Amino acid sequence: MQVSVEKTSELSRKMTVSVPETVVQEKVAERLKTLARQVKIDGFRPGKVPQHVVNKMYGERVRGEVAGDLIQSTYFDALRDQELKPAGQPHIHDLDETEGFKYIAEFEVYPEISLAGVEGLEITRISSSVEEGNIDEMIEKLRSQKTVWQEVDRASQEKDQLSISFAGVSEGENFTDGRVLDFQVEIGAKQMIPGFEGNLLGLKSGEGKTFSVTFPEGYSNAKLAGKPAEFDIEVMKVEEPVLPAVDEEFIKGYGTPDGLMATFREDIKANMQRELELALHGKLKNAVLEALYEKVQLVVPKSLVDEEIENLQKPYLESAKRQKLKKEDLKLPREMFEAQAQRRVALGLILGEVIHTQDIKVDDNKVRVTIEDMARSYEQPEAYVSWYYSDKTRLQGVQQMVLEDQTVEWLVSKAKISHETMSFNAIMDSNKA
């Protein structure tokens, strides 16, 4: 076997592999000989077909099969001999040769990664705490979750819930499949497209209204995105919110057995503290990854970026499938995902290099703690933990996450840290953005 490699760009390689004709003929003859013992041809007893007949009938097909096998067997040998690490699948095409067998494999290789400067990254560590006012706000949110609606005989106002029927038309086409009946809308909840809820203010039961609004450019239904629409609505009922008292029954309903306000506030604070710690961990991790991405510059293989773009598009495609939309109806240009995909691929390669050079091994105890923390919100946490450990693929997902966190911890331990304090609400709001 002869191998030559041509560098066609920084990461692209064109590898030509040649196999001598004697090797090809030997493998073809061996396979044809085996075939002669197996094939059934009219006029010949099984196993007694003359070899020249088999050669004539099956020679071309067998040579093609041998060529495929040679590609499989020699491709990885050639990569090993040339010390090449391909990124993604190769594009292989064979060449018409009168003597021997030759093919070309075109592929990209992984980039060389320099970690100079990763020790000493400049990172800002955010700190925060749960204050009494934050607990008060949370209690109000919990009250709102148990809102009951009371019908009123007045014009609608902010925070009211209306039961309506409506029809929508855009560019002359009814997109609500006729008229939608008994539909609940809470004014100010921002559940509808911008402008819709505001048009419901000041209406009483039995009143109707026709108004126009424009669908957002990024609306999930591509046929309506960015287009004006006219809605014809009729109000069936107006209801105002009534919040429950924070009494013993209310408190017990949220899992505080003794029903005492002091215990309730402690439980709420503990839950909020866990959420805050997760958010702060996420912010620190993002800060480290952003600094790492800026510090280590590298060209990433296009094939890996393409794969990542496909992964990023999957949720949109699945959503479109549920809405019975075709892929062509979606506006998913490559440019929409390319920067994010490139960043993900680059960080994956850089973190992998840090893990390799620093010989970072996954901590099994941290994996166990992580899974147990995830299990706390379930009624049977032990079963949840067993479920993870019963499947290697599921477990590997957590192991990879923990290994990445350990790598971030190592980078933080070597970083130049500055500190900043933010309020609980600012932390949680920025997490939603």
Protein backbone atom coordinates (compact mmCIF):
# COMPACT_ATOMS: atom_id res chain seq x y z
CA MET A 1 0.00 0.00 0.00
CA GLN A 2 1.27 3.43 -0.97
CA VAL A 3 -0.05 6.59 0.69
CA SER A 4 0.44 10.25 -0.20
CA VAL A 5 -1.13 13.22 1.60
CA GLU A 6 -1.75 16.69 0.20
CA LYS A 7 -2.61 19.66 2.42
CA THR A 8 -5.35 21.56 0.60
CA SER A 9 -6.10 24.10 3.38
CA GLU A 10 -5.20 24.65 7.01
CA LEU A 11 -7.32 21.68 8.13
CA SER A 12 -8.24 19.93 4.85
CA ARG A 13 -6.28 16.92 3.64
CA LYS A 14 -6.39 14.93 0.41
CA MET A 15 -5.04 11.42 0.95
CA THR A 16 -4.37 9.11 -2.00
CA VAL A 17 -4.09 5.38 -1.26
CA SER A 18 -2.83 2.86 -3.83
CA VAL A 19 -3.09 -0.92 -3.52
CA PRO A 20 -1.03 -3.15 -5.89
CA GLU A 21 -2.91 -5.14 -8.52
CA THR A 22 -1.48 -8.40 -7.15
CA VAL A 23 -3.25 -7.79 -3.83
CA VAL A 24 -6.51 -6.95 -5.59
CA GLN A 25 -6.34 -10.03 -7.85
CA GLU A 26 -5.52 -12.27 -4.91
CA LYS A 27 -8.56 -11.11 -2.95
CA VAL A 28 -10.85 -11.26 -5.98
CA ALA A 29 -9.69 -14.81 -6.81
CA GLU A 30 -10.17 -15.95 -3.22
CA ARG A 31 -13.71 -14.59 -3.09
CA LEU A 32 -14.64 -16.02 -6.52
CA LYS A 33 -13.34 -19.41 -5.45
CA THR A 34 -15.55 -19.34 -2.37
CA LEU A 35 -18.46 -18.16 -4.48
CA ALA A 36 -18.05 -21.07 -6.90
CA ARG A 37 -18.81 -23.49 -4.08
CA GLN A 38 -22.00 -21.66 -3.15
CA VAL A 39 -23.73 -20.35 -6.30
CA LYS A 40 -26.51 -22.21 -8.08
CA ILE A 41 -26.55 -21.92 -11.88
CA ASP A 42 -28.93 -23.75 -14.18
CA GLY A 43 -27.22 -26.68 -15.90
CA PHE A 44 -24.64 -27.22 -13.16
CA ARG A 45 -24.76 -29.18 -9.96
CA PRO A 46 -24.25 -27.12 -6.75
CA GLY A 47 -20.55 -26.65 -6.14
CA LYS A 48 -19.62 -27.88 -9.63
CA VAL A 49 -19.90 -24.61 -11.55
CA PRO A 50 -16.69 -24.10 -13.59
CA GLN A 51 -14.52 -21.35 -12.19
CA HIS A 52 -14.34 -19.48 -15.51
CA VAL A 53 -18.16 -19.31 -15.60
CA VAL A 54 -18.27 -17.88 -12.08
CA ASN A 55 -15.50 -15.43 -12.96
CA LYS A 56 -17.39 -14.20 -16.02
CA MET A 57 -20.73 -13.85 -14.25
CA TYR A 58 -19.57 -12.39 -10.95
CA GLY A 59 -16.09 -10.99 -11.58
CA GLU A 60 -17.11 -7.34 -11.92
CA ARG A 61 -19.39 -7.39 -8.88
CA VAL A 62 -16.80 -9.15 -6.73
CA ARG A 63 -14.09 -6.66 -7.71
CA GLY A 64 -16.41 -3.87 -6.60
CA GLU A 65 -16.97 -5.61 -3.26
CA VAL A 66 -13.23 -6.11 -2.84
CA ALA A 67 -12.66 -2.43 -3.60
CA GLY A 68 -15.12 -1.47 -0.86
CA ASP A 69 -13.45 -3.81 1.62
CA LEU A 70 -10.02 -2.47 0.70
CA ILE A 71 -11.18 1.07 1.40
CA GLN A 72 -12.50 -0.01 4.80
CA SER A 73 -9.35 -1.89 5.74
CA THR A 74 -6.72 0.47 4.33
CA TYR A 75 -8.25 3.85 5.24
CA PHE A 76 -7.64 3.53 8.98
CA ASP A 77 -4.24 1.89 8.43
CA ALA A 78 -3.23 4.83 6.24
CA LEU A 79 -4.44 7.35 8.85
CA ARG A 80 -2.42 5.58 11.52
CA ASP A 81 0.70 5.42 9.37
CA GLN A 82 0.42 9.13 8.50
CA GLU A 83 -0.48 10.07 12.11
CA LEU A 84 -3.64 11.85 11.00
CA LYS A 85 -6.73 12.41 13.17
CA PRO A 86 -9.74 13.10 10.93
CA ALA A 87 -12.61 15.27 12.15
CA GLY A 88 -15.91 14.00 10.81
CA GLN A 89 -16.56 11.55 7.99
CA PRO A 90 -14.32 11.48 4.90
CA HIS A 91 -15.44 11.97 1.32
CA ILE A 92 -14.04 8.96 -0.56
CA HIS A 93 -14.00 8.34 -4.29
CA ASP A 94 -12.08 5.65 -6.14
CA LEU A 95 -10.13 6.22 -9.32
CA ASP A 96 -10.31 4.23 -12.55
CA GLU A 97 -6.94 2.52 -12.75
CA THR A 98 -5.81 -0.11 -15.21
CA GLU A 99 -3.31 -1.49 -12.72
CA GLY A 100 -4.18 -1.92 -9.07
CA PHE A 101 -6.69 -0.02 -7.02
CA LYS A 102 -6.45 3.63 -6.01
CA TYR A 103 -8.80 5.93 -4.10
CA ILE A 104 -8.80 9.44 -2.68
CA ALA A 105 -10.06 10.32 0.79
CA GLU A 106 -10.73 13.98 1.49
CA PHE A 107 -11.29 15.04 5.07
CA GLU A 108 -10.49 17.61 7.73
CA VAL A 109 -8.15 17.06 10.66
CA TYR A 110 -8.37 18.35 14.20
CA PRO A 111 -6.50 21.62 14.76
CA GLU A 112 -3.39 21.95 16.86
CA ILE A 113 -4.41 23.68 20.10
CA SER A 114 -2.10 25.94 22.08
CA LEU A 115 -3.13 26.43 25.70
CA ALA A 116 -0.74 29.30 26.31
CA GLY A 117 -2.42 31.79 28.58
CA VAL A 118 -5.23 29.57 29.94
CA GLU A 119 -3.59 29.81 33.34
CA GLY A 120 -4.33 33.36 34.41
CA LEU A 121 -7.67 33.99 32.70
CA GLU A 122 -9.33 37.17 33.99
CA ILE A 123 -12.66 36.15 35.51
CA THR A 124 -15.35 38.08 37.41
CA ARG A 125 -17.01 36.04 40.15
CA ILE A 126 -20.53 37.21 40.99
CA SER A 127 -21.88 36.93 44.54
CA SER A 128 -25.41 37.40 45.84
CA SER A 129 -27.74 36.47 48.70
CA VAL A 130 -31.41 35.85 49.42
CA GLU A 131 -32.91 38.80 51.36
CA GLU A 132 -36.15 38.98 53.34
CA GLY A 133 -37.72 41.09 50.62
CA ASN A 134 -36.98 38.35 48.09
CA ILE A 135 -38.83 35.87 50.29
CA ASP A 136 -41.83 38.25 50.49
CA GLU A 137 -41.89 38.47 46.70
CA MET A 138 -41.75 34.68 46.40
CA ILE A 139 -44.70 34.28 48.76
CA GLU A 140 -46.68 36.66 46.55
CA LYS A 141 -45.77 34.54 43.51
CA LEU A 142 -46.95 31.42 45.34
CA ARG A 143 -50.21 33.19 46.17
CA SER A 144 -50.68 34.07 42.51
CA GLN A 145 -50.29 30.39 41.60
CA LYS A 146 -53.45 29.69 43.63
CA THR A 147 -55.42 32.57 42.13
CA VAL A 148 -59.14 31.98 41.77
CA TRP A 149 -61.20 33.95 39.25
CA GLN A 150 -64.37 35.76 40.22
CA GLU A 151 -66.79 37.02 37.59
CA VAL A 152 -67.42 40.79 37.64
CA ASP A 153 -69.94 43.05 35.94
CA ARG A 154 -67.66 45.86 34.80
CA ALA A 155 -65.27 46.85 32.02
CA SER A 156 -62.08 44.78 31.88
CA GLN A 157 -58.83 46.11 33.32
CA GLU A 158 -55.21 45.03 33.74
CA LYS A 159 -54.76 41.55 35.29
CA ASP A 160 -58.37 40.52 34.55
CA GLN A 161 -59.09 37.26 32.78
CA LEU A 162 -61.46 37.33 29.82
CA SER A 163 -63.24 34.42 28.19
CA ILE A 164 -63.54 35.29 24.51
CA SER A 165 -64.35 33.89 21.11
CA PHE A 166 -62.28 35.14 18.19
CA ALA A 167 -61.37 34.68 14.56
CA GLY A 168 -58.14 35.78 12.86
CA VAL A 169 -57.50 36.67 9.23
CA SER A 170 -54.16 37.44 7.56
CA GLU A 171 -53.77 38.30 3.87
CA GLY A 172 -57.36 37.26 3.28
CA GLU A 173 -56.94 33.81 4.84
CA ASN A 174 -58.57 32.66 8.08
CA PHE A 175 -55.75 31.10 10.13
CA THR A 176 -57.86 30.14 13.19
CA ASP A 177 -59.80 27.43 11.36
CA GLY A 178 -63.04 29.32 11.71
CA ARG A 179 -63.75 30.75 15.14
CA VAL A 180 -62.03 29.86 18.43
CA LEU A 181 -64.56 29.52 21.26
CA ASP A 182 -64.26 29.96 25.04
CA PHE A 183 -60.63 31.05 25.00
CA GLN A 184 -59.13 32.49 28.23
CA VAL A 185 -56.80 35.49 28.07
CA GLU A 186 -55.22 37.19 31.09
CA ILE A 187 -54.60 40.86 30.32
CA GLY A 188 -50.97 41.73 30.98
CA ALA A 189 -49.73 38.13 31.11
CA LYS A 190 -48.06 38.53 27.69
CA GLN A 191 -49.33 35.15 26.53
CA MET A 192 -50.60 36.53 23.24
CA ILE A 193 -48.76 38.34 20.46
CA PRO A 194 -47.83 41.99 21.22
CA GLY A 195 -50.83 44.32 20.98
CA PHE A 196 -53.52 41.66 21.37
CA GLU A 197 -54.07 41.87 25.14
CA GLY A 198 -54.04 45.66 25.18
CA ASN A 199 -56.98 45.69 22.80
CA LEU A 200 -59.07 43.79 25.37
CA LEU A 201 -58.97 46.59 27.96
CA GLY A 202 -62.23 48.39 28.73
CA LEU A 203 -64.56 45.72 27.35
CA LYS A 204 -67.60 44.25 29.14
CA SER A 205 -69.26 40.87 28.78
CA GLY A 206 -71.25 40.74 25.55
CA GLU A 207 -69.17 43.43 23.81
CA GLY A 208 -67.13 42.83 20.67
CA LYS A 209 -64.21 44.47 18.91
CA THR A 210 -62.24 44.23 15.68
CA PHE A 211 -58.59 45.28 15.67
CA SER A 212 -55.35 44.76 13.76
CA VAL A 213 -51.94 43.67 15.08
CA THR A 214 -48.76 42.37 13.45
CA PHE A 215 -47.18 39.01 14.21
CA PRO A 216 -43.54 39.19 15.41
CA GLU A 217 -40.81 38.49 12.86
CA GLY A 218 -39.64 35.48 14.85
CA TYR A 219 -43.10 33.95 15.29
CA SER A 220 -43.05 30.14 15.39
CA ASN A 221 -45.48 29.80 12.47
CA ALA A 222 -43.38 30.96 9.51
CA LYS A 223 -46.51 31.62 7.41
CA LEU A 224 -47.61 34.33 9.86
CA ALA A 225 -44.22 35.70 10.96
CA GLY A 226 -44.00 39.46 10.43
CA LYS A 227 -47.44 39.68 8.80
CA PRO A 228 -50.40 41.91 9.80
CA ALA A 229 -53.60 40.22 10.99
CA GLU A 230 -57.12 41.30 11.82
CA PHE A 231 -58.90 39.81 14.83
CA ASP A 232 -62.63 39.86 15.48
CA ILE A 233 -63.33 39.14 19.17
CA GLU A 234 -66.38 38.87 21.41
CA VAL A 235 -66.18 38.92 25.23
CA MET A 236 -68.17 36.18 26.96
CA LYS A 237 -67.05 36.81 30.55
CA VAL A 238 -64.83 39.16 32.62
CA GLU A 239 -63.19 37.84 35.81
CA GLU A 240 -60.91 39.45 38.37
CA PRO A 241 -58.18 37.65 40.32
CA VAL A 242 -58.72 36.78 43.97
CA LEU A 243 -55.60 35.80 45.92
CA PRO A 244 -55.76 33.38 48.89
CA ALA A 245 -54.79 34.30 52.45
CA VAL A 246 -51.41 33.00 53.62
CA ASP A 247 -52.84 30.85 56.40
CA GLU A 248 -52.03 27.41 57.82
CA GLU A 249 -53.86 25.59 55.03
CA PHE A 250 -52.04 27.60 52.36
CA ILE A 251 -48.64 26.95 53.96
CA LYS A 252 -49.24 23.20 54.31
CA GLY A 253 -50.28 23.11 50.67
CA TYR A 254 -46.71 24.06 49.74
CA GLY A 255 -45.14 21.23 51.71
CA THR A 256 -44.46 22.80 55.13
CA PRO A 257 -46.07 20.24 57.50
CA ASP A 258 -46.36 22.39 60.64
CA GLY A 259 -48.13 25.22 58.81
CA LEU A 260 -46.07 27.89 60.60
CA MET A 261 -45.02 31.07 58.81
CA ALA A 262 -41.49 30.99 60.25
CA THR A 263 -40.88 27.45 58.99
CA PHE A 264 -42.48 28.33 55.66
CA ARG A 265 -40.09 31.24 55.17
CA GLU A 266 -37.12 29.03 56.07
CA ASP A 267 -38.20 26.42 53.50
CA ILE A 268 -38.66 29.09 50.84
CA LYS A 269 -35.26 30.61 51.61
CA ALA A 270 -33.57 27.20 51.37
CA ASN A 271 -35.14 26.58 47.93
CA MET A 272 -34.25 30.05 46.70
CA GLN A 273 -30.70 29.60 47.96
CA ARG A 274 -30.35 26.38 45.93
CA GLU A 275 -31.63 28.16 42.83
CA LEU A 276 -29.24 31.04 43.46
CA GLU A 277 -26.24 28.73 43.86
CA LEU A 278 -27.09 27.04 40.56
CA ALA A 279 -27.43 30.41 38.84
CA LEU A 280 -24.13 31.68 40.28
CA HIS A 281 -22.40 28.48 39.23
CA GLY A 282 -23.78 28.93 35.71
CA LYS A 283 -22.59 32.54 35.56
CA LEU A 284 -19.10 31.61 36.72
CA LYS A 285 -18.93 28.76 34.21
CA ASN A 286 -20.09 31.02 31.38
CA ALA A 287 -17.52 33.65 32.37
CA VAL A 288 -14.74 31.05 32.30
CA LEU A 289 -15.83 29.64 28.94
CA GLU A 290 -16.14 33.11 27.41
CA ALA A 291 -12.64 34.06 28.61
CA LEU A 292 -11.28 30.73 27.37
CA TYR A 293 -12.90 31.16 23.95
CA GLU A 294 -11.38 34.63 23.58
CA LYS A 295 -7.93 33.51 24.76
CA VAL A 296 -7.50 30.37 22.63
CA GLN A 297 -7.96 31.18 18.96
CA LEU A 298 -8.28 28.27 16.57
CA VAL A 299 -9.77 27.28 13.24
CA VAL A 300 -12.42 24.61 13.73
CA PRO A 301 -13.32 21.85 11.25
CA LYS A 302 -16.27 22.82 9.07
CA SER A 303 -17.62 19.26 9.27
CA LEU A 304 -17.95 19.52 13.06
CA VAL A 305 -19.61 22.94 12.78
CA ASP A 306 -22.08 21.48 10.27
CA GLU A 307 -22.95 18.68 12.70
CA GLU A 308 -23.47 21.17 15.53
CA ILE A 309 -25.70 23.36 13.34
CA GLU A 310 -27.87 20.29 12.71
CA ASN A 311 -28.09 19.71 16.48
CA LEU A 312 -29.12 23.33 17.06
CA GLN A 313 -31.80 23.10 14.37
CA LYS A 314 -33.38 19.92 15.76
CA PRO A 315 -35.72 21.61 18.31
CA TYR A 316 -37.07 23.92 15.58
CA LEU A 317 -37.62 21.00 13.22
CA GLU A 318 -39.36 18.96 15.91
CA SER A 319 -41.60 21.92 16.73
CA ALA A 320 -42.42 22.34 13.03
CA LYS A 321 -43.28 18.65 12.79
CA ARG A 322 -45.73 18.99 15.68
CA GLN A 323 -47.32 21.94 13.88
CA LYS A 324 -47.45 19.89 10.67
CA LEU A 325 -45.15 22.34 8.89
CA LYS A 326 -42.61 21.37 6.28
CA LYS A 327 -38.91 22.00 6.75
CA GLU A 328 -38.99 24.34 3.75
CA ASP A 329 -41.56 26.54 5.54
CA LEU A 330 -39.06 27.34 8.30
CA LYS A 331 -36.65 30.22 8.06
CA LEU A 332 -33.53 28.54 9.41
CA PRO A 333 -30.56 30.02 7.54
CA ARG A 334 -27.13 28.68 8.39
CA GLU A 335 -26.05 32.16 9.53
CA MET A 336 -28.63 31.99 12.33
CA PHE A 337 -26.70 29.16 14.04
CA GLU A 338 -23.16 29.36 12.70
CA ALA A 339 -21.58 31.58 15.38
CA GLN A 340 -23.09 29.55 18.23
CA ALA A 341 -22.11 26.26 16.60
CA GLN A 342 -18.56 27.46 16.01
CA ARG A 343 -18.26 28.54 19.65
CA ARG A 344 -19.58 25.22 20.93
CA VAL A 345 -17.23 23.18 18.76
CA ALA A 346 -14.23 25.34 19.64
CA LEU A 347 -14.92 25.17 23.38
CA GLY A 348 -15.43 21.41 23.19
CA LEU A 349 -12.03 21.00 21.54
CA ILE A 350 -10.29 23.41 23.93
CA LEU A 351 -11.79 21.83 27.06
CA GLY A 352 -10.84 18.41 25.70
CA GLU A 353 -7.26 19.56 25.34
CA VAL A 354 -7.22 20.95 28.90
CA ILE A 355 -8.61 17.66 30.21
CA HIS A 356 -5.95 15.74 28.28
CA THR A 357 -2.95 17.90 29.21
CA GLN A 358 -3.93 18.17 32.88
CA ASP A 359 -5.03 14.53 33.05
CA ILE A 360 -8.34 15.46 34.68
CA LYS A 361 -10.38 12.38 35.62
CA VAL A 362 -14.08 12.35 36.39
CA ASP A 363 -14.78 12.25 40.15
CA ASP A 364 -17.28 9.42 40.74
CA ASN A 365 -18.30 10.91 44.10
CA LYS A 366 -19.23 14.19 42.39
CA VAL A 367 -21.22 12.26 39.80
CA ARG A 368 -23.17 10.56 42.60
CA VAL A 369 -23.80 13.87 44.40
CA THR A 370 -24.94 15.50 41.15
CA ILE A 371 -27.45 12.73 40.44
CA GLU A 372 -28.71 12.77 44.03
CA ASP A 373 -29.21 16.55 43.81
CA MET A 374 -31.17 16.09 40.59
CA ALA A 375 -33.28 13.40 42.31
CA ARG A 376 -34.38 15.62 45.21
CA SER A 377 -37.35 17.06 43.33
CA TYR A 378 -38.81 13.59 42.68
CA GLU A 379 -41.19 11.68 44.95
CA GLN A 380 -38.95 8.60 44.84
CA PRO A 381 -35.38 9.92 44.65
CA GLU A 382 -33.80 6.49 45.17
CA ALA A 383 -35.60 5.15 42.09
CA TYR A 384 -34.41 8.17 40.08
CA VAL A 385 -30.79 7.54 41.11
CA SER A 386 -31.10 3.84 40.22
CA TRP A 387 -32.62 4.80 36.86
CA TYR A 388 -29.50 6.81 35.99
CA TYR A 389 -27.07 4.14 37.10
CA SER A 390 -28.95 1.42 35.23
CA ASP A 391 -28.14 2.93 31.82
CA LYS A 392 -24.56 3.63 30.71
CA THR A 393 -25.60 6.23 28.16
CA ARG A 394 -27.56 8.26 30.73
CA LEU A 395 -24.73 7.94 33.24
CA GLN A 396 -22.14 9.02 30.69
CA GLY A 397 -24.12 12.21 30.09
CA VAL A 398 -23.80 13.17 33.76
CA GLN A 399 -20.17 12.07 33.87
CA GLN A 400 -19.37 14.35 30.93
CA MET A 401 -21.14 17.26 32.61
CA VAL A 402 -19.23 16.68 35.88
CA LEU A 403 -15.92 16.35 34.01
CA GLU A 404 -16.59 19.69 32.29
CA ASP A 405 -17.37 21.29 35.66
CA GLN A 406 -14.15 19.87 37.11
CA THR A 407 -12.23 21.38 34.21
CA VAL A 408 -13.86 24.76 34.81
CA GLU A 409 -12.91 24.45 38.50
CA TRP A 410 -9.28 23.87 37.50
CA LEU A 411 -9.34 26.94 35.24
CA VAL A 412 -10.89 29.03 38.05
CA SER A 413 -8.16 27.85 40.43
CA LYS A 414 -5.57 29.27 38.01
CA ALA A 415 -7.48 32.44 37.08
CA LYS A 416 -7.18 36.07 38.15
CA ILE A 417 -10.46 36.65 39.98
CA SER A 418 -12.28 39.94 40.50
CA HIS A 419 -15.52 40.17 42.50
CA GLU A 420 -18.90 41.76 41.88
CA THR A 421 -22.14 41.71 43.91
CA MET A 422 -25.59 41.53 42.31
CA SER A 423 -29.09 41.35 43.79
CA PHE A 424 -31.02 38.08 43.80
CA ASN A 425 -33.57 39.42 41.32
CA ALA A 426 -30.89 40.72 38.96
CA ILE A 427 -29.23 37.28 38.97
CA MET A 428 -32.44 35.38 38.35
CA ASP A 429 -33.71 37.85 35.71
CA SER A 430 -30.45 37.67 33.78
CA ASN A 431 -30.70 33.89 33.88
CA LYS A 432 -34.04 34.07 32.08
CA ALA A 433 -32.70 36.35 29.34
